[in-house]
């Protein structure tokens, strides 16, 4: 699979108000890694409407309404990491989860 992500492509990290501070800190480190590789800093948004063509959605199992919604729709499977600590799963989908974009990288963490 080939795809190119650039500042003009609208990479955004979706941050929920319910996210633990430590999870947001890790997401910021990932954003900085993206900057080192791609040469631009990905945006942070708390609005689904502001998600770009590519988005990283992260959160904590049991604290994230978005992850719960995606799990209920069968888009992700939280049972893979429920009850585990300090784990994550990443998944790329090339279809729209929310109406505003088509490519998403899902990153969710186990329970804290």
Protein backbone atom coordinates (compact mmCIF):
# COMPACT_ATOMS: atom_id res chain seq x y z
CA UNK A 1 0.00 0.00 0.00
CA UNK A 2 1.37 3.39 -0.96
CA UNK A 3 0.15 6.70 0.32
CA UNK A 4 1.77 10.06 0.81
CA UNK A 5 0.88 12.29 3.70
CA UNK A 6 1.81 15.94 3.53
CA UNK A 7 0.75 19.11 5.26
CA UNK A 8 -1.59 19.84 2.36
CA UNK A 9 -3.27 16.45 2.87
CA UNK A 10 -4.59 17.52 6.26
CA UNK A 11 -3.15 15.04 8.77
CA UNK A 12 -4.89 15.53 12.12
CA UNK A 13 -4.79 13.84 15.51
CA UNK A 14 -8.24 13.54 17.07
CA UNK A 15 -8.05 14.32 20.79
CA UNK A 16 -11.01 13.74 23.07
CA UNK A 17 -11.63 15.73 26.23
CA UNK A 18 -11.83 12.42 28.11
CA UNK A 19 -8.29 11.38 27.15
CA UNK A 20 -5.80 10.86 29.96
CA UNK A 21 -2.99 13.44 30.05
CA UNK A 22 -0.37 10.72 29.61
CA UNK A 23 -2.10 9.41 26.46
CA UNK A 24 -2.09 12.94 25.01
CA UNK A 25 1.62 13.22 25.82
CA UNK A 26 2.35 10.00 23.92
CA UNK A 27 0.25 11.22 20.98
CA UNK A 28 2.29 14.43 20.97
CA UNK A 29 5.50 12.39 20.79
CA UNK A 30 4.07 10.56 17.76
CA UNK A 31 3.19 13.93 16.19
CA UNK A 32 6.81 15.02 16.71
CA UNK A 33 8.02 11.80 15.07
CA UNK A 34 5.77 12.56 12.10
CA UNK A 35 7.34 16.02 11.93
CA UNK A 36 10.84 14.53 11.86
CA UNK A 37 9.92 12.16 9.03
CA UNK A 38 7.46 14.23 7.00
CA UNK A 39 8.67 17.75 7.73
CA UNK A 40 5.43 19.14 9.15
CA UNK A 41 3.59 19.02 12.47
CA UNK A 42 0.19 17.32 12.33
CA UNK A 43 -2.72 19.32 13.70
CA UNK A 44 -4.63 18.43 16.88
CA UNK A 45 -8.40 18.71 16.79
CA UNK A 46 -11.27 17.95 19.14
CA UNK A 47 -13.83 18.21 16.35
CA UNK A 48 -14.71 15.45 13.89
CA UNK A 49 -15.57 18.12 11.34
CA UNK A 50 -11.95 19.33 11.38
CA UNK A 51 -10.47 15.90 10.58
CA UNK A 52 -8.42 15.93 7.42
CA UNK A 53 -7.93 13.39 4.69
CA UNK A 54 -5.75 11.34 7.07
CA UNK A 55 -6.40 11.21 10.79
CA UNK A 56 -5.05 9.49 13.85
CA UNK A 57 -7.75 8.60 16.36
CA UNK A 58 -6.47 7.57 19.77
CA UNK A 59 -7.89 7.04 23.22
CA UNK A 60 -8.20 4.75 26.20
CA UNK A 61 -10.54 1.78 26.31
CA UNK A 62 -13.42 2.58 28.64
CA UNK A 63 -12.84 6.36 28.49
CA UNK A 64 -13.32 7.13 24.81
CA UNK A 65 -16.77 7.70 23.33
CA UNK A 66 -15.31 7.62 19.80
CA UNK A 67 -13.59 4.28 20.35
CA UNK A 68 -16.79 2.91 21.88
CA UNK A 69 -18.73 4.08 18.81
CA UNK A 70 -16.23 2.53 16.39
CA UNK A 71 -16.29 -0.71 18.38
CA UNK A 72 -20.11 -0.82 18.35
CA UNK A 73 -20.09 -0.33 14.56
CA UNK A 74 -17.62 -3.21 14.16
CA UNK A 75 -14.92 -0.96 12.68
CA UNK A 76 -12.45 -1.79 15.45
CA UNK A 77 -12.32 -4.63 17.96
CA UNK A 78 -11.54 -3.38 21.44
CA UNK A 79 -11.65 -6.93 22.86
CA UNK A 80 -8.09 -7.35 21.51
CA UNK A 81 -6.77 -5.08 24.24
CA UNK A 82 -9.51 -4.75 26.88
CA UNK A 83 -8.17 -5.35 30.39
CA UNK A 84 -4.54 -4.96 29.25
CA UNK A 85 -2.22 -2.19 30.31
CA UNK A 86 0.12 -0.09 28.20
CA UNK A 87 -0.77 -1.70 24.88
CA UNK A 88 -1.95 -0.33 21.58
CA UNK A 89 -3.31 -1.45 18.27
CA UNK A 90 -2.96 0.46 15.00
CA UNK A 91 -5.19 0.05 11.98
CA UNK A 92 -5.46 1.84 8.64
CA UNK A 93 -8.75 2.02 6.80
CA UNK A 94 -9.26 3.47 3.36
CA UNK A 95 -12.90 4.32 3.84
CA UNK A 96 -14.84 6.98 5.68
CA UNK A 97 -15.62 6.43 9.34
CA UNK A 98 -16.82 9.97 9.78
CA UNK A 99 -18.30 11.99 6.92
CA UNK A 100 -15.42 14.45 6.60
CA UNK A 101 -12.58 12.22 5.34
CA UNK A 102 -11.66 8.83 3.89
CA UNK A 103 -8.34 7.61 5.35
CA UNK A 104 -7.84 7.03 9.06
CA UNK A 105 -5.19 5.46 11.21
CA UNK A 106 -6.78 4.21 14.41
CA UNK A 107 -4.60 4.03 17.47
CA UNK A 108 -6.14 3.06 20.75
CA UNK A 109 -4.66 2.09 24.07
CA UNK A 110 -5.54 -0.44 26.73
CA UNK A 111 -7.05 0.46 30.05
CA UNK A 112 -5.03 2.67 32.37
